């Protein structure tokens, strides 16, 4: 067991680095079309620290009042990504260091790694599906002629990769145990 913790501790640290790197890339690409007012469609990236699509929406806020709530939603989404994944990265680094120094049992840590890895992957997929299908459906139900589409960005893909790295850490620790 001593040799297992000597190499497995690096995986949560790598996953934390991938989470932090994901904040440098767009979370997703967004395309917005409003018949008659926004022609051609507004296309931009949703960035964790603002900018991108947020700046593209600014000139249209007075023409289409619905865009202000959409812009607020994008802002909340970017802040949420930033806060949760910085906190998650810090906790993963601490977890890896605690396993390496022997302050935490590998058995307890690997269960946390599996849970975190699965939650990263599942939450990203659920969020993407809600944005892909739920937001346009909501606008349709409200009678708003706003067409919006989302495309998964590098930031989301890196978060899924970080979840996969954590699951790999769990598997390797389980095999060696």
N, C-alpha and C. Protein backbone atom coordinates (compact mmCIF):
# COMPACT_ATOMS: atom_id res chain seq x y z
N UNK A 1 0.82 -1.19 0.00
CA UNK A 1 0.00 0.00 0.00
C UNK A 1 0.87 1.25 0.00
N UNK A 2 2.04 1.17 0.58
CA UNK A 2 2.91 2.35 0.65
C UNK A 2 3.33 2.80 -0.74
N UNK A 3 3.60 1.86 -1.65
CA UNK A 3 4.02 2.27 -2.99
C UNK A 3 2.85 2.81 -3.81
N UNK A 4 1.64 2.41 -3.51
CA UNK A 4 0.48 2.91 -4.24
C UNK A 4 0.30 4.40 -4.00
N UNK A 5 0.36 4.82 -2.76
CA UNK A 5 0.16 6.24 -2.47
C UNK A 5 1.30 7.10 -3.00
N UNK A 6 2.44 6.47 -3.27
CA UNK A 6 3.59 7.21 -3.80
C UNK A 6 3.37 7.68 -5.24
N UNK A 7 2.49 7.03 -5.98
CA UNK A 7 2.25 7.50 -7.36
C UNK A 7 0.81 7.91 -7.62
N UNK A 8 -0.14 7.40 -6.85
CA UNK A 8 -1.55 7.71 -7.10
C UNK A 8 -1.89 9.15 -6.67
N UNK A 9 -1.17 9.69 -5.72
CA UNK A 9 -1.48 11.03 -5.23
C UNK A 9 -1.35 12.09 -6.33
N UNK A 10 -0.60 11.80 -7.36
CA UNK A 10 -0.37 12.78 -8.42
C UNK A 10 -1.62 12.98 -9.30
N UNK A 11 -2.48 11.98 -9.39
CA UNK A 11 -3.66 12.07 -10.26
C UNK A 11 -4.64 13.17 -9.83
N UNK A 12 -4.98 13.30 -8.54
CA UNK A 12 -5.87 14.42 -8.20
C UNK A 12 -5.21 15.79 -8.42
N UNK A 13 -3.89 15.84 -8.29
CA UNK A 13 -3.20 17.10 -8.55
C UNK A 13 -3.24 17.43 -10.05
N UNK A 14 -3.09 16.41 -10.88
CA UNK A 14 -3.21 16.62 -12.33
C UNK A 14 -4.64 17.05 -12.69
N UNK A 15 -5.63 16.38 -12.07
CA UNK A 15 -7.02 16.75 -12.32
C UNK A 15 -7.29 18.19 -11.88
N UNK A 16 -6.70 18.60 -10.77
CA UNK A 16 -6.86 19.99 -10.31
C UNK A 16 -6.24 20.96 -11.30
N UNK A 17 -5.08 20.60 -11.84
CA UNK A 17 -4.44 21.46 -12.85
C UNK A 17 -5.31 21.57 -14.09
N UNK A 18 -5.92 20.47 -14.50
CA UNK A 18 -6.81 20.49 -15.67
C UNK A 18 -8.03 21.36 -15.39
N UNK A 19 -8.57 21.28 -14.16
CA UNK A 19 -9.70 22.14 -13.80
C UNK A 19 -9.33 23.62 -13.87
N UNK A 20 -8.16 23.95 -13.36
CA UNK A 20 -7.73 25.35 -13.39
C UNK A 20 -7.45 25.81 -14.82
N UNK A 21 -6.87 24.95 -15.63
CA UNK A 21 -6.61 25.28 -17.03
C UNK A 21 -7.92 25.46 -17.79
N UNK A 22 -8.95 24.69 -17.42
CA UNK A 22 -10.24 24.80 -18.11
C UNK A 22 -10.85 26.19 -17.95
N UNK A 23 -10.47 26.90 -16.90
CA UNK A 23 -11.00 28.25 -16.70
C UNK A 23 -10.42 29.27 -17.67
N UNK A 24 -9.37 28.89 -18.37
CA UNK A 24 -8.76 29.80 -19.34
C UNK A 24 -9.42 29.70 -20.71
N UNK A 25 -10.25 28.69 -20.90
CA UNK A 25 -10.88 28.45 -22.20
C UNK A 25 -12.39 28.69 -22.13
N UNK A 26 -13.03 28.89 -23.27
CA UNK A 26 -14.48 29.10 -23.27
C UNK A 26 -15.23 27.87 -22.75
N UNK A 27 -16.26 28.14 -21.96
CA UNK A 27 -17.10 27.05 -21.45
C UNK A 27 -17.91 26.47 -22.60
N UNK A 28 -18.49 27.37 -23.38
CA UNK A 28 -19.29 26.93 -24.52
C UNK A 28 -19.40 28.05 -25.52
N UNK A 29 -19.81 27.71 -26.72
CA UNK A 29 -20.06 28.68 -27.76
C UNK A 29 -21.57 28.85 -27.87
N UNK A 30 -22.02 30.08 -27.99
CA UNK A 30 -23.45 30.38 -27.99
C UNK A 30 -23.80 31.13 -29.27
N UNK A 31 -24.93 30.76 -29.86
CA UNK A 31 -25.44 31.44 -31.04
C UNK A 31 -26.87 31.89 -30.73
N UNK A 32 -27.14 33.20 -30.93
CA UNK A 32 -28.45 33.76 -30.61
C UNK A 32 -29.01 34.45 -31.86
N UNK A 33 -30.25 34.15 -32.19
CA UNK A 33 -30.92 34.76 -33.34
C UNK A 33 -32.30 35.21 -32.91
N UNK A 34 -32.63 36.46 -33.19
CA UNK A 34 -33.96 36.99 -32.91
C UNK A 34 -34.49 37.54 -34.22
N UNK A 35 -35.52 36.95 -34.73
CA UNK A 35 -36.04 37.28 -36.05
C UNK A 35 -36.36 38.77 -36.18
N UNK A 36 -35.76 39.40 -37.18
CA UNK A 36 -36.03 40.79 -37.49
C UNK A 36 -35.17 41.79 -36.75
N UNK A 37 -34.66 41.46 -35.58
CA UNK A 37 -33.88 42.41 -34.80
C UNK A 37 -32.40 42.06 -34.82
N UNK A 38 -32.10 40.81 -34.57
CA UNK A 38 -30.71 40.38 -34.57
C UNK A 38 -30.47 39.55 -35.83
N UNK A 39 -29.96 40.23 -36.84
CA UNK A 39 -29.70 39.55 -38.10
C UNK A 39 -28.37 40.04 -38.64
N UNK A 40 -27.37 39.27 -38.79
CA UNK A 40 -27.27 37.84 -38.56
C UNK A 40 -27.18 37.52 -37.07
N UNK A 41 -27.09 36.28 -36.78
CA UNK A 41 -27.08 35.81 -35.40
C UNK A 41 -25.84 36.31 -34.66
N UNK A 42 -26.00 36.51 -33.34
CA UNK A 42 -24.87 36.84 -32.47
C UNK A 42 -24.20 35.51 -32.12
N UNK A 43 -22.92 35.43 -32.35
CA UNK A 43 -22.18 34.22 -32.01
C UNK A 43 -20.99 34.62 -31.15
N UNK A 44 -20.81 33.93 -30.05
CA UNK A 44 -19.69 34.24 -29.17
C UNK A 44 -19.46 33.11 -28.18
N UNK A 45 -18.38 33.23 -27.46
CA UNK A 45 -18.03 32.22 -26.46
C UNK A 45 -18.41 32.72 -25.07
N UNK A 46 -18.89 31.78 -24.25
CA UNK A 46 -19.15 32.08 -22.85
C UNK A 46 -17.86 31.80 -22.10
N UNK A 47 -17.27 32.84 -21.55
CA UNK A 47 -16.00 32.72 -20.85
C UNK A 47 -16.24 32.76 -19.34
N UNK A 48 -15.46 32.02 -18.56
CA UNK A 48 -15.68 32.01 -17.11
C UNK A 48 -15.50 33.38 -16.46
N UNK A 49 -14.61 34.22 -16.98
CA UNK A 49 -14.33 35.50 -16.36
C UNK A 49 -15.00 36.66 -17.08
N UNK A 50 -16.04 36.41 -17.85
CA UNK A 50 -16.75 37.47 -18.56
C UNK A 50 -16.17 37.72 -19.94
N UNK A 51 -16.81 38.62 -20.66
CA UNK A 51 -16.37 38.90 -22.03
C UNK A 51 -17.07 37.96 -23.00
N UNK A 52 -16.58 37.88 -24.21
CA UNK A 52 -17.15 36.99 -25.22
C UNK A 52 -18.58 37.36 -25.56
N UNK A 53 -19.50 36.44 -25.35
CA UNK A 53 -20.91 36.65 -25.69
C UNK A 53 -21.53 37.77 -24.85
N UNK A 54 -21.02 37.98 -23.66
CA UNK A 54 -21.54 39.05 -22.80
C UNK A 54 -21.35 40.41 -23.48
N UNK A 55 -20.19 40.62 -24.10
CA UNK A 55 -19.93 41.87 -24.80
C UNK A 55 -20.73 41.98 -26.09
N UNK A 56 -20.96 40.83 -26.74
CA UNK A 56 -21.72 40.82 -27.99
C UNK A 56 -23.19 41.16 -27.76
N UNK A 57 -23.73 40.82 -26.58
CA UNK A 57 -25.14 41.08 -26.28
C UNK A 57 -25.41 42.54 -25.92
N UNK A 58 -24.41 43.24 -25.44
CA UNK A 58 -24.60 44.60 -24.92
C UNK A 58 -25.34 45.54 -25.88
N UNK A 59 -25.01 45.62 -27.17
CA UNK A 59 -25.72 46.57 -28.05
C UNK A 59 -27.19 46.24 -28.26
N UNK A 60 -27.60 45.02 -27.99
CA UNK A 60 -28.98 44.60 -28.27
C UNK A 60 -29.88 44.62 -27.04
N UNK A 61 -29.35 44.98 -25.87
CA UNK A 61 -30.14 44.91 -24.64
C UNK A 61 -31.35 45.84 -24.65
N UNK A 62 -31.23 47.00 -25.27
CA UNK A 62 -32.37 47.91 -25.33
C UNK A 62 -33.40 47.47 -26.36
N UNK A 63 -32.97 46.82 -27.42
CA UNK A 63 -33.89 46.37 -28.46
C UNK A 63 -34.67 45.12 -28.05
N UNK A 64 -34.00 44.21 -27.36
CA UNK A 64 -34.63 42.95 -26.96
C UNK A 64 -34.47 42.81 -25.44
N UNK A 65 -35.49 43.18 -24.66
CA UNK A 65 -35.37 43.15 -23.20
C UNK A 65 -35.09 41.75 -22.63
N UNK A 66 -35.49 40.71 -23.34
CA UNK A 66 -35.26 39.34 -22.86
C UNK A 66 -33.77 39.02 -22.77
N UNK A 67 -32.96 39.72 -23.54
CA UNK A 67 -31.52 39.45 -23.53
C UNK A 67 -30.85 39.84 -22.22
N UNK A 68 -31.46 40.77 -21.47
CA UNK A 68 -30.84 41.17 -20.20
C UNK A 68 -30.91 40.02 -19.20
N UNK A 69 -32.02 39.30 -19.16
CA UNK A 69 -32.10 38.14 -18.27
C UNK A 69 -31.19 37.02 -18.75
N UNK A 70 -31.05 36.88 -20.05
CA UNK A 70 -30.13 35.88 -20.61
C UNK A 70 -28.69 36.25 -20.27
N UNK A 71 -28.37 37.53 -20.36
CA UNK A 71 -27.03 37.98 -20.02
C UNK A 71 -26.74 37.75 -18.53
N UNK A 72 -27.73 37.99 -17.68
CA UNK A 72 -27.56 37.73 -16.24
C UNK A 72 -27.36 36.24 -15.98
N UNK A 73 -28.09 35.41 -16.71
CA UNK A 73 -27.91 33.96 -16.58
C UNK A 73 -26.52 33.52 -16.99
N UNK A 74 -26.02 34.08 -18.07
CA UNK A 74 -24.66 33.77 -18.51
C UNK A 74 -23.63 34.22 -17.48
N UNK A 75 -23.85 35.39 -16.90
CA UNK A 75 -22.93 35.89 -15.88
C UNK A 75 -22.92 34.96 -14.67
N UNK A 76 -24.11 34.54 -14.22
CA UNK A 76 -24.22 33.62 -13.09
C UNK A 76 -23.54 32.29 -13.41
N UNK A 77 -23.72 31.80 -14.62
CA UNK A 77 -23.10 30.55 -15.04
C UNK A 77 -21.58 30.65 -15.03
N UNK A 78 -21.05 31.75 -15.54
CA UNK A 78 -19.60 31.94 -15.54
C UNK A 78 -19.02 32.05 -14.14
N UNK A 79 -19.70 32.79 -13.27
CA UNK A 79 -19.24 32.92 -11.88
C UNK A 79 -19.32 31.58 -11.16
N UNK A 80 -20.39 30.83 -11.41
CA UNK A 80 -20.54 29.52 -10.78
C UNK A 80 -19.42 28.57 -11.20
N UNK A 81 -19.13 28.51 -12.49
CA UNK A 81 -18.04 27.68 -12.98
C UNK A 81 -16.74 28.05 -12.29
N UNK A 82 -16.45 29.33 -12.26
CA UNK A 82 -15.19 29.81 -11.71
C UNK A 82 -15.07 29.44 -10.23
N UNK A 83 -16.09 29.75 -9.46
CA UNK A 83 -16.02 29.50 -8.01
C UNK A 83 -15.95 28.01 -7.69
N UNK A 84 -16.82 27.22 -8.29
CA UNK A 84 -16.86 25.80 -7.96
C UNK A 84 -15.59 25.07 -8.38
N UNK A 85 -15.04 25.43 -9.53
CA UNK A 85 -13.90 24.68 -10.00
C UNK A 85 -12.58 25.15 -9.40
N UNK A 86 -12.50 26.39 -8.96
CA UNK A 86 -11.32 26.81 -8.19
C UNK A 86 -11.34 26.11 -6.83
N UNK A 87 -12.50 26.10 -6.19
CA UNK A 87 -12.63 25.41 -4.90
C UNK A 87 -12.37 23.91 -5.06
N UNK A 88 -12.91 23.31 -6.10
CA UNK A 88 -12.68 21.88 -6.35
C UNK A 88 -11.23 21.58 -6.59
N UNK A 89 -10.53 22.44 -7.33
CA UNK A 89 -9.11 22.23 -7.60
C UNK A 89 -8.29 22.31 -6.32
N UNK A 90 -8.60 23.28 -5.48
CA UNK A 90 -7.87 23.41 -4.21
C UNK A 90 -8.08 22.18 -3.34
N UNK A 91 -9.32 21.71 -3.26
CA UNK A 91 -9.61 20.52 -2.44
C UNK A 91 -8.93 19.27 -3.00
N UNK A 92 -8.84 19.16 -4.32
CA UNK A 92 -8.14 18.01 -4.91
C UNK A 92 -6.65 18.05 -4.62
N UNK A 93 -6.06 19.22 -4.69
CA UNK A 93 -4.63 19.35 -4.37
C UNK A 93 -4.38 18.98 -2.91
N UNK A 94 -5.23 19.47 -2.02
CA UNK A 94 -5.09 19.14 -0.60
C UNK A 94 -5.26 17.64 -0.39
N UNK A 95 -6.22 17.04 -1.07
CA UNK A 95 -6.45 15.60 -0.95
C UNK A 95 -5.23 14.80 -1.41
N UNK A 96 -4.65 15.18 -2.54
CA UNK A 96 -3.46 14.50 -3.04
C UNK A 96 -2.29 14.61 -2.09
N UNK A 97 -2.09 15.80 -1.54
CA UNK A 97 -0.99 16.01 -0.60
C UNK A 97 -1.21 15.22 0.69
N UNK A 98 -2.45 15.19 1.17
CA UNK A 98 -2.75 14.44 2.40
C UNK A 98 -2.52 12.94 2.21
N UNK A 99 -2.83 12.42 1.04
CA UNK A 99 -2.58 11.00 0.78
C UNK A 99 -1.08 10.74 0.72
N UNK A 100 -0.35 11.61 0.08
CA UNK A 100 1.10 11.43 -0.05
C UNK A 100 1.79 11.47 1.32
N UNK A 101 1.38 12.39 2.18
CA UNK A 101 2.01 12.53 3.49
C UNK A 101 1.49 11.52 4.50
N UNK A 102 0.44 10.80 4.15
CA UNK A 102 -0.09 9.78 5.04
C UNK A 102 -1.10 10.30 6.05
N UNK A 103 -1.54 11.52 5.91
CA UNK A 103 -2.53 12.08 6.84
C UNK A 103 -3.94 11.63 6.53
N UNK A 104 -4.12 11.05 5.37
CA UNK A 104 -5.44 10.55 4.99
C UNK A 104 -5.27 9.18 4.37
N UNK A 105 -6.17 8.29 4.73
CA UNK A 105 -6.11 6.94 4.17
C UNK A 105 -6.44 6.96 2.68
N UNK A 106 -5.72 6.14 1.94
CA UNK A 106 -5.95 6.04 0.51
C UNK A 106 -7.35 5.53 0.22
N UNK A 107 -7.84 4.64 1.08
CA UNK A 107 -9.16 4.05 0.87
C UNK A 107 -10.27 5.12 0.91
N UNK A 108 -10.17 6.04 1.87
CA UNK A 108 -11.15 7.13 1.97
C UNK A 108 -10.99 8.12 0.82
N UNK A 109 -9.76 8.41 0.48
CA UNK A 109 -9.50 9.38 -0.57
C UNK A 109 -9.98 8.89 -1.92
N UNK A 110 -9.77 7.61 -2.20
CA UNK A 110 -10.15 7.11 -3.53
C UNK A 110 -11.66 7.14 -3.72
N UNK A 111 -12.42 6.93 -2.65
CA UNK A 111 -13.88 7.03 -2.77
C UNK A 111 -14.29 8.46 -3.09
N UNK A 112 -13.62 9.41 -2.47
CA UNK A 112 -13.90 10.82 -2.76
C UNK A 112 -13.52 11.16 -4.20
N UNK A 113 -12.42 10.59 -4.68
CA UNK A 113 -12.00 10.84 -6.07
C UNK A 113 -13.03 10.30 -7.04
N UNK A 114 -13.54 9.10 -6.77
CA UNK A 114 -14.57 8.51 -7.64
C UNK A 114 -15.82 9.38 -7.64
N UNK A 115 -16.25 9.77 -6.46
CA UNK A 115 -17.45 10.60 -6.35
C UNK A 115 -17.27 11.93 -7.08
N UNK A 116 -16.13 12.58 -6.89
CA UNK A 116 -15.88 13.85 -7.56
C UNK A 116 -15.77 13.68 -9.08
N UNK A 117 -15.09 12.63 -9.52
CA UNK A 117 -14.95 12.39 -10.95
C UNK A 117 -16.29 12.18 -11.62
N UNK A 118 -17.12 11.34 -11.01
CA UNK A 118 -18.45 11.10 -11.56
C UNK A 118 -19.31 12.36 -11.52
N UNK A 119 -19.20 13.13 -10.44
CA UNK A 119 -20.02 14.34 -10.35
C UNK A 119 -19.60 15.37 -11.39
N UNK A 120 -18.29 15.47 -11.68
CA UNK A 120 -17.85 16.40 -12.72
C UNK A 120 -18.43 16.01 -14.08
N UNK A 121 -18.33 14.75 -14.41
CA UNK A 121 -18.81 14.28 -15.72
C UNK A 121 -20.32 14.40 -15.82
N UNK A 122 -21.03 13.91 -14.82
CA UNK A 122 -22.50 13.92 -14.86
C UNK A 122 -23.04 15.35 -14.83
N UNK A 123 -22.47 16.20 -13.97
CA UNK A 123 -22.99 17.57 -13.89
C UNK A 123 -22.75 18.35 -15.18
N UNK A 124 -21.63 18.12 -15.83
CA UNK A 124 -21.37 18.80 -17.11
C UNK A 124 -22.35 18.34 -18.18
N UNK A 125 -22.61 17.06 -18.23
CA UNK A 125 -23.54 16.55 -19.23
C UNK A 125 -24.96 17.04 -18.96
N UNK A 126 -25.38 17.06 -17.70
CA UNK A 126 -26.72 17.54 -17.36
C UNK A 126 -26.85 19.03 -17.67
N UNK A 127 -25.84 19.81 -17.28
CA UNK A 127 -25.86 21.24 -17.57
C UNK A 127 -25.95 21.49 -19.07
N UNK A 128 -25.15 20.77 -19.84
CA UNK A 128 -25.16 20.97 -21.29
C UNK A 128 -26.52 20.60 -21.88
N UNK A 129 -27.12 19.51 -21.43
CA UNK A 129 -28.43 19.11 -21.95
C UNK A 129 -29.52 20.11 -21.56
N UNK A 130 -29.43 20.64 -20.34
CA UNK A 130 -30.41 21.65 -19.92
C UNK A 130 -30.28 22.90 -20.79
N UNK A 131 -29.05 23.32 -21.03
CA UNK A 131 -28.85 24.50 -21.87
C UNK A 131 -29.26 24.22 -23.32
N UNK A 132 -28.95 23.03 -23.80
CA UNK A 132 -29.22 22.70 -25.19
C UNK A 132 -30.71 22.58 -25.47
N UNK A 133 -31.45 21.95 -24.55
CA UNK A 133 -32.87 21.71 -24.79
C UNK A 133 -33.80 22.54 -23.91
N UNK A 134 -33.41 22.77 -22.66
CA UNK A 134 -34.28 23.45 -21.71
C UNK A 134 -34.46 24.93 -21.97
N UNK A 135 -33.36 25.63 -22.26
CA UNK A 135 -33.45 27.08 -22.49
C UNK A 135 -34.27 27.40 -23.73
N UNK A 136 -34.01 26.77 -24.89
CA UNK A 136 -34.87 27.06 -26.05
C UNK A 136 -36.33 26.69 -25.81
N UNK A 137 -36.57 25.61 -25.10
CA UNK A 137 -37.94 25.21 -24.80
C UNK A 137 -38.62 26.25 -23.90
N UNK A 138 -37.87 26.76 -22.93
CA UNK A 138 -38.42 27.80 -22.05
C UNK A 138 -38.79 29.06 -22.80
N UNK A 139 -37.92 29.48 -23.73
CA UNK A 139 -38.24 30.65 -24.54
C UNK A 139 -39.46 30.39 -25.41
N UNK A 140 -39.58 29.19 -25.94
CA UNK A 140 -40.72 28.84 -26.77
C UNK A 140 -42.01 28.88 -25.94
N UNK A 141 -41.97 28.37 -24.72
CA UNK A 141 -43.15 28.36 -23.86
C UNK A 141 -43.57 29.76 -23.45
N UNK A 142 -42.60 30.66 -23.33
CA UNK A 142 -42.91 32.05 -22.98
C UNK A 142 -43.34 32.88 -24.18
N UNK A 143 -43.26 32.30 -25.36
CA UNK A 143 -43.65 33.01 -26.57
C UNK A 143 -42.61 33.99 -27.07
N UNK A 144 -41.39 33.78 -26.68
CA UNK A 144 -40.29 34.66 -27.11
C UNK A 144 -39.67 34.04 -28.36
N UNK A 145 -39.54 34.82 -29.41
CA UNK A 145 -39.05 34.30 -30.69
C UNK A 145 -37.52 34.28 -30.75
N UNK A 146 -36.89 34.05 -29.63
CA UNK A 146 -35.44 34.02 -29.55
C UNK A 146 -34.95 32.60 -29.79
N UNK A 147 -34.10 32.45 -30.79
CA UNK A 147 -33.53 31.14 -31.07
C UNK A 147 -32.10 31.13 -30.53
N UNK A 148 -31.79 30.12 -29.74
CA UNK A 148 -30.47 30.05 -29.11
C UNK A 148 -29.95 28.62 -29.22
N UNK A 149 -28.68 28.50 -29.50
CA UNK A 149 -28.08 27.17 -29.55
C UNK A 149 -26.72 27.22 -28.86
N UNK A 150 -26.35 26.09 -28.29
CA UNK A 150 -25.13 25.97 -27.51
C UNK A 150 -24.25 24.88 -28.12
N UNK A 151 -22.95 25.09 -28.03
CA UNK A 151 -21.97 24.08 -28.46
C UNK A 151 -20.95 23.94 -27.34
N UNK A 152 -20.64 22.71 -27.00
CA UNK A 152 -19.71 22.45 -25.91
C UNK A 152 -18.35 23.04 -26.24
N UNK A 153 -17.78 23.77 -25.28
CA UNK A 153 -16.48 24.40 -25.48
C UNK A 153 -15.35 23.58 -24.86
N UNK A 154 -14.15 24.05 -25.08
CA UNK A 154 -12.96 23.36 -24.57
C UNK A 154 -12.98 23.31 -23.04
N UNK A 155 -13.50 24.37 -22.40
CA UNK A 155 -13.58 24.39 -20.94
C UNK A 155 -14.41 23.24 -20.39
N UNK A 156 -15.56 22.98 -21.00
CA UNK A 156 -16.40 21.86 -20.55
C UNK A 156 -15.73 20.52 -20.82
N UNK A 157 -15.09 20.40 -21.95
CA UNK A 157 -14.42 19.14 -22.30
C UNK A 157 -13.29 18.86 -21.32
N UNK A 158 -12.54 19.89 -20.93
CA UNK A 158 -11.45 19.70 -19.97
C UNK A 158 -11.98 19.29 -18.60
N UNK A 159 -13.14 19.78 -18.22
CA UNK A 159 -13.72 19.39 -16.94
C UNK A 159 -14.12 17.91 -16.98
N UNK A 160 -14.64 17.45 -18.09
CA UNK A 160 -14.97 16.03 -18.24
C UNK A 160 -13.69 15.20 -18.20
N UNK A 161 -12.62 15.69 -18.81
CA UNK A 161 -11.33 14.98 -18.77
C UNK A 161 -10.82 14.91 -17.33
N UNK A 162 -10.96 16.00 -16.56
CA UNK A 162 -10.54 15.99 -15.16
C UNK A 162 -11.32 14.94 -14.37
N UNK A 163 -12.62 14.81 -14.65
CA UNK A 163 -13.41 13.76 -14.01
C UNK A 163 -12.90 12.37 -14.38
N UNK A 164 -12.52 12.19 -15.64
CA UNK A 164 -11.95 10.91 -16.07
C UNK A 164 -10.64 10.60 -15.39
N UNK A 165 -9.81 11.61 -15.17
CA UNK A 165 -8.54 11.41 -14.46
C UNK A 165 -8.79 10.96 -13.03
N UNK A 166 -9.78 11.54 -12.39
CA UNK A 166 -10.11 11.14 -11.01
C UNK A 166 -10.64 9.71 -10.96
N UNK A 167 -11.43 9.34 -11.94
CA UNK A 167 -11.93 7.95 -11.99
C UNK A 167 -10.77 6.99 -12.23
N UNK A 168 -9.83 7.38 -13.09
CA UNK A 168 -8.63 6.56 -13.31
C UNK A 168 -7.82 6.41 -12.02
N UNK A 169 -7.72 7.48 -11.24
CA UNK A 169 -7.01 7.41 -9.96
C UNK A 169 -7.69 6.41 -9.03
N UNK A 170 -9.02 6.44 -8.99
CA UNK A 170 -9.76 5.49 -8.18
C UNK A 170 -9.48 4.06 -8.63
N UNK A 171 -9.54 3.82 -9.94
CA UNK A 171 -9.33 2.48 -10.47
C UNK A 171 -7.92 1.97 -10.15
N UNK A 172 -6.91 2.81 -10.35
CA UNK A 172 -5.53 2.41 -10.06
C UNK A 172 -5.33 2.13 -8.57
N UNK A 173 -5.91 2.97 -7.73
CA UNK A 173 -5.79 2.75 -6.28
C UNK A 173 -6.53 1.48 -5.86
N UNK A 174 -7.64 1.20 -6.49
CA UNK A 174 -8.41 -0.02 -6.17
C UNK A 174 -7.66 -1.27 -6.62
N UNK A 175 -7.04 -1.21 -7.80
CA UNK A 175 -6.29 -2.37 -8.31
C UNK A 175 -5.09 -2.66 -7.43
N UNK A 176 -4.37 -1.62 -7.04
CA UNK A 176 -3.16 -1.80 -6.24
C UNK A 176 -3.47 -2.16 -4.79
N UNK A 177 -4.68 -1.90 -4.35
CA UNK A 177 -5.06 -2.17 -2.96
C UNK A 177 -5.34 -3.62 -2.83
